[in-house]
PDB file of N, CA and C in Angstrom:
ATOM      1  N   MET A   1     144.552 107.468 123.530  1.00  0.00           N
ATOM      2  CA  MET A   1     145.322 106.281 123.850  1.00  0.00           C
ATOM      3  C   MET A   1     146.673 106.708 124.422  1.00  0.00           C
ATOM      4  N   VAL A   2     147.037 106.100 125.527  1.00  0.00           N
ATOM      5  CA  VAL A   2     148.301 106.411 126.188  1.00  0.00           C
ATOM      6  C   VAL A   2     149.422 105.633 125.516  1.00  0.00           C
ATOM      7  N   GLY A   3     150.525 106.327 125.225  1.00  0.00           N
ATOM      8  CA  GLY A   3     151.676 105.667 124.608  1.00  0.00           C
ATOM      9  C   GLY A   3     152.395 104.777 125.608  1.00  0.00           C
ATOM     10  N   LYS A   4     153.277 103.963 125.107  1.00  0.00           N
ATOM     11  CA  LYS A   4     154.042 103.061 125.968  1.00  0.00           C
ATOM     12  C   LYS A   4     155.295 103.761 126.461  1.00  0.00           C
ATOM     13  N   LYS A   5     155.673 103.458 127.683  1.00  0.00           N
ATOM     14  CA  LYS A   5     156.887 104.001 128.286  1.00  0.00           C
ATOM     15  C   LYS A   5     158.099 103.336 127.642  1.00  0.00           C
ATOM     16  N   GLN A   6     159.060 104.130 127.233  1.00  0.00           N
ATOM     17  CA  GLN A   6     160.290 103.606 126.646  1.00  0.00           C
ATOM     18  C   GLN A   6     161.428 103.754 127.646  1.00  0.00           C
ATOM     19  N   PHE A   7     162.279 102.715 127.732  1.00  0.00           N
ATOM     20  CA  PHE A   7     163.456 102.796 128.585  1.00  0.00           C
ATOM     21  C   PHE A   7     164.489 101.794 128.098  1.00  0.00           C
ATOM     22  N   PRO A   8     165.768 102.103 128.308  1.00  0.00           N
ATOM     23  CA  PRO A   8     166.819 101.166 127.889  1.00  0.00           C
ATOM     24  C   PRO A   8     166.871  99.978 128.851  1.00  0.00           C
ATOM     25  N   LEU A   9     167.184  98.832 128.321  1.00  0.00           N
ATOM     26  CA  LEU A   9     167.290  97.620 129.136  1.00  0.00           C
ATOM     27  C   LEU A   9     168.574  96.904 128.757  1.00  0.00           C
ATOM     28  N   ARG A  10     169.428  96.718 129.719  1.00  0.00           N
ATOM     29  CA  ARG A  10     170.697  96.023 129.468  1.00  0.00           C
ATOM     30  C   ARG A  10     170.552  94.586 129.935  1.00  0.00           C
ATOM     31  N   LEU A  11     170.841  93.650 129.044  1.00  0.00           N
ATOM     32  CA  LEU A  11     170.729  92.228 129.354  1.00  0.00           C
ATOM     33  C   LEU A  11     172.025  91.514 129.034  1.00  0.00           C
ATOM     34  N   ASP A  12     172.296  90.479 129.772  1.00  0.00           N
ATOM     35  CA  ASP A  12     173.409  89.595 129.464  1.00  0.00           C
ATOM     36  C   ASP A  12     173.166  89.015 128.066  1.00  0.00           C
ATOM     37  N   PRO A  13     174.178  88.942 127.222  1.00  0.00           N
ATOM     38  CA  PRO A  13     173.988  88.430 125.856  1.00  0.00           C
ATOM     39  C   PRO A  13     173.366  87.029 125.799  1.00  0.00           C
ATOM     40  N   LYS A  14     173.734  86.146 126.722  1.00  0.00           N
ATOM     41  CA  LYS A  14     173.155  84.800 126.715  1.00  0.00           C
ATOM     42  C   LYS A  14     171.673  84.832 127.076  1.00  0.00           C
ATOM     43  N   LEU A  15     171.300  85.705 128.006  1.00  0.00           N
ATOM     44  CA  LEU A  15     169.897  85.868 128.364  1.00  0.00           C
ATOM     45  C   LEU A  15     169.119  86.393 127.161  1.00  0.00           C
ATOM     46  N   TYR A  16     169.688  87.385 126.475  1.00  0.00           N
ATOM     47  CA  TYR A  16     169.019  87.940 125.299  1.00  0.00           C
ATOM     48  C   TYR A  16     168.842  86.876 124.214  1.00  0.00           C
ATOM     49  N   GLU A  17     169.869  86.071 123.985  1.00  0.00           N
ATOM     50  CA  GLU A  17     169.769  85.010 122.972  1.00  0.00           C
ATOM     51  C   GLU A  17     168.652  84.032 123.308  1.00  0.00           C
ATOM     52  N   ALA A  18     168.542  83.661 124.579  1.00  0.00           N
ATOM     53  CA  ALA A  18     167.477  82.746 124.997  1.00  0.00           C
ATOM     54  C   ALA A  18     166.106  83.389 124.802  1.00  0.00           C
ATOM     55  N   LEU A  19     165.985  84.666 125.163  1.00  0.00           N
ATOM     56  CA  LEU A  19     164.724  85.382 124.959  1.00  0.00           C
ATOM     57  C   LEU A  19     164.388  85.510 123.481  1.00  0.00           C
ATOM     58  N   GLU A  20     165.400  85.762 122.671  1.00  0.00           N
ATOM     59  CA  GLU A  20     165.202  85.906 121.235  1.00  0.00           C
ATOM     60  C   GLU A  20     164.658  84.606 120.632  1.00  0.00           C
ATOM     61  N   LYS A  21     165.212  83.476 121.033  1.00  0.00           N
ATOM     62  CA  LYS A  21     164.736  82.190 120.530  1.00  0.00           C
ATOM     63  C   LYS A  21     163.314  81.919 121.000  1.00  0.00           C
ATOM     64  N   TRP A  22     163.049  82.158 122.271  1.00  0.00           N
ATOM     65  CA  TRP A  22     161.725  81.928 122.829  1.00  0.00           C
ATOM     66  C   TRP A  22     160.696  82.823 122.137  1.00  0.00           C
ATOM     67  N   ALA A  23     161.026  84.087 121.952  1.00  0.00           N
ATOM     68  CA  ALA A  23     160.120  85.012 121.270  1.00  0.00           C
ATOM     69  C   ALA A  23     159.843  84.535 119.849  1.00  0.00           C
ATOM     70  N   SER A  24     160.865  84.088 119.165  1.00  0.00           N
ATOM     71  CA  SER A  24     160.701  83.576 117.805  1.00  0.00           C
ATOM     72  C   SER A  24     159.778  82.359 117.788  1.00  0.00           C
ATOM     73  N   ASP A  25     159.954  81.468 118.754  1.00  0.00           N
ATOM     74  CA  ASP A  25     159.091  80.287 118.856  1.00  0.00           C
ATOM     75  C   ASP A  25     157.629  80.671 119.052  1.00  0.00           C
ATOM     76  N   GLU A  26     157.395  81.798 119.721  1.00  0.00           N
ATOM     77  CA  GLU A  26     156.042  82.279 120.008  1.00  0.00           C
ATOM     78  C   GLU A  26     155.549  83.289 118.959  1.00  0.00           C
ATOM     79  N   LEU A  27     156.346  83.503 117.915  1.00  0.00           N
ATOM     80  CA  LEU A  27     156.019  84.458 116.843  1.00  0.00           C
ATOM     81  C   LEU A  27     155.818  85.876 117.381  1.00  0.00           C
ATOM     82  N   ARG A  28     156.698  86.269 118.303  1.00  0.00           N
ATOM     83  CA  ARG A  28     156.670  87.616 118.864  1.00  0.00           C
ATOM     84  C   ARG A  28     158.036  88.259 118.680  1.00  0.00           C
ATOM     85  N   SER A  29     158.059  89.578 118.782  1.00  0.00           N
ATOM     86  CA  SER A  29     159.344  90.268 118.856  1.00  0.00           C
ATOM     87  C   SER A  29     159.880  90.079 120.273  1.00  0.00           C
ATOM     88  N   VAL A  30     161.171  90.290 120.442  1.00  0.00           N
ATOM     89  CA  VAL A  30     161.761  90.171 121.779  1.00  0.00           C
ATOM     90  C   VAL A  30     161.095  91.176 122.717  1.00  0.00           C
ATOM     91  N   ASN A  31     160.899  92.387 122.257  1.00  0.00           N
ATOM     92  CA  ASN A  31     160.291  93.421 123.079  1.00  0.00           C
ATOM     93  C   ASN A  31     158.887  93.020 123.536  1.00  0.00           C
ATOM     94  N   SER A  32     158.058  92.561 122.618  1.00  0.00           N
ATOM     95  CA  SER A  32     156.697  92.190 123.005  1.00  0.00           C
ATOM     96  C   SER A  32     156.689  90.948 123.888  1.00  0.00           C
ATOM     97  N   HIS A  33     157.656  90.056 123.696  1.00  0.00           N
ATOM     98  CA  HIS A  33     157.715  88.864 124.537  1.00  0.00           C
ATOM     99  C   HIS A  33     158.136  89.222 125.966  1.00  0.00           C
ATOM    100  N   ILE A  34     159.083  90.130 126.108  1.00  0.00           N
ATOM    101  CA  ILE A  34     159.474  90.589 127.445  1.00  0.00           C
ATOM    102  C   ILE A  34     158.273  91.235 128.133  1.00  0.00           C
ATOM    103  N   GLU A  35     157.535  92.067 127.402  1.00  0.00           N
ATOM    104  CA  GLU A  35     156.348  92.711 127.973  1.00  0.00           C
ATOM    105  C   GLU A  35     155.317  91.657 128.389  1.00  0.00           C
ATOM    106  N   PHE A  36     155.105  90.646 127.554  1.00  0.00           N
ATOM    107  CA  PHE A  36     154.181  89.553 127.859  1.00  0.00           C
ATOM    108  C   PHE A  36     154.615  88.824 129.140  1.00  0.00           C
ATOM    109  N   LEU A  37     155.899  88.474 129.226  1.00  0.00           N
ATOM    110  CA  LEU A  37     156.404  87.752 130.396  1.00  0.00           C
ATOM    111  C   LEU A  37     156.259  88.580 131.675  1.00  0.00           C
ATOM    112  N   LEU A  38     156.575  89.861 131.593  1.00  0.00           N
ATOM    113  CA  LEU A  38     156.438  90.727 132.759  1.00  0.00           C
ATOM    114  C   LEU A  38     154.981  90.857 133.185  1.00  0.00           C
ATOM    115  N   ARG A  39     154.080  91.040 132.224  1.00  0.00           N
ATOM    116  CA  ARG A  39     152.652  91.157 132.527  1.00  0.00           C
ATOM    117  C   ARG A  39     152.133  89.884 133.203  1.00  0.00           C
ATOM    118  N   GLU A  40     152.513  88.719 132.664  1.00  0.00           N
ATOM    119  CA  GLU A  40     152.069  87.447 133.243  1.00  0.00           C
ATOM    120  C   GLU A  40     152.609  87.264 134.664  1.00  0.00           C
ATOM    121  N   ALA A  41     153.870  87.610 134.885  1.00  0.00           N
ATOM    122  CA  ALA A  41     154.456  87.491 136.224  1.00  0.00           C
ATOM    123  C   ALA A  41     153.743  88.413 137.214  1.00  0.00           C
ATOM    124  N   LEU A  42     153.431  89.621 136.790  1.00  0.00           N
ATOM    125  CA  LEU A  42     152.720  90.559 137.660  1.00  0.00           C
ATOM    126  C   LEU A  42     151.308  90.076 137.969  1.00  0.00           C
ATOM    127  N   LYS A  43     150.621  89.525 136.983  1.00  0.00           N
ATOM    128  CA  LYS A  43     149.272  88.988 137.216  1.00  0.00           C
ATOM    129  C   LYS A  43     149.321  87.842 138.219  1.00  0.00           C
ATOM    130  N   ARG A  44     150.266  86.907 138.030  1.00  0.00           N
ATOM    131  CA  ARG A  44     150.382  85.749 138.924  1.00  0.00           C
ATOM    132  C   ARG A  44     150.678  86.163 140.361  1.00  0.00           C
ATOM    133  N   SER A  45     151.434  87.232 140.522  1.00  0.00           N
ATOM    134  CA  SER A  45     151.794  87.684 141.869  1.00  0.00           C
ATOM    135  C   SER A  45     150.711  88.565 142.494  1.00  0.00           C
ATOM    136  N   GLY A  46     149.671  88.882 141.711  1.00  0.00           N
ATOM    137  CA  GLY A  46     148.598  89.728 142.216  1.00  0.00           C
ATOM    138  C   GLY A  46     148.947  91.201 142.248  1.00  0.00           C
ATOM    139  N   ARG A  47     149.985  91.583 141.530  1.00  0.00           N
ATOM    140  CA  ARG A  47     150.434  92.976 141.533  1.00  0.00           C
ATOM    141  C   ARG A  47     149.963  93.769 140.317  1.00  0.00           C
ATOM    142  N   PHE A  48     149.247  93.112 139.411  1.00  0.00           N
ATOM    143  CA  PHE A  48     148.789  93.799 138.198  1.00  0.00           C
ATOM    144  C   PHE A  48     147.348  93.412 137.931  1.00  0.00           C
ATOM    145  N   LYS A  49     146.486  94.398 137.992  1.00  0.00           N
ATOM    146  CA  LYS A  49     145.083  94.160 137.715  1.00  0.00           C
ATOM    147  C   LYS A  49     144.667  94.984 136.503  1.00  0.00           C
ATOM    148  N   GLY A  50     145.636  95.276 135.639  1.00  0.00           N
ATOM    149  CA  GLY A  50     145.451  96.178 134.505  1.00  0.00           C
ATOM    150  C   GLY A  50     144.253  95.858 133.639  1.00  0.00           C
ATOM    151  N   GLU A  51     143.767  96.898 133.003  1.00  0.00           N
ATOM    152  CA  GLU A  51     142.657  96.739 132.086  1.00  0.00           C
ATOM    153  C   GLU A  51     143.106  95.961 130.861  1.00  0.00           C
ATOM    154  N   LYS A  52     142.158  95.531 130.067  1.00  0.00           N
ATOM    155  CA  LYS A  52     142.471  94.781 128.852  1.00  0.00           C
ATOM    156  C   LYS A  52     143.311  95.661 127.938  1.00  0.00           C
ATOM    157  N   THR A  53     144.447  95.100 127.470  1.00  0.00           N
ATOM    158  CA  THR A  53     145.355  95.859 126.610  1.00  0.00           C
ATOM    159  C   THR A  53     145.614  95.101 125.332  1.00  0.00           C
ATOM    160  N   ASP A  54     146.102  95.803 124.332  1.00  0.00           N
ATOM    161  CA  ASP A  54     146.494  95.166 123.072  1.00  0.00           C
ATOM    162  C   ASP A  54     147.824  94.488 123.267  1.00  0.00           C
ATOM    163  N   GLU A  55     147.971  93.285 122.714  1.00  0.00           N
ATOM    164  CA  GLU A  55     149.263  92.588 122.773  1.00  0.00           C
ATOM    165  C   GLU A  55     149.811  92.415 121.406  1.00  0.00           C
TER     166      GLU A  55
END
């Protein structure tokens, strides 16, 4: 199994607060919610055809 790539991400505090609330509403961590949002955006744009992954 391939590990996940780690990298620092700097966000505006207000953006982070909004993401934190949204993630909480969805019962996810902020990190997993950001990954979910990015994956969905890539799929919609046709730029991600990734294999089935664990969420």
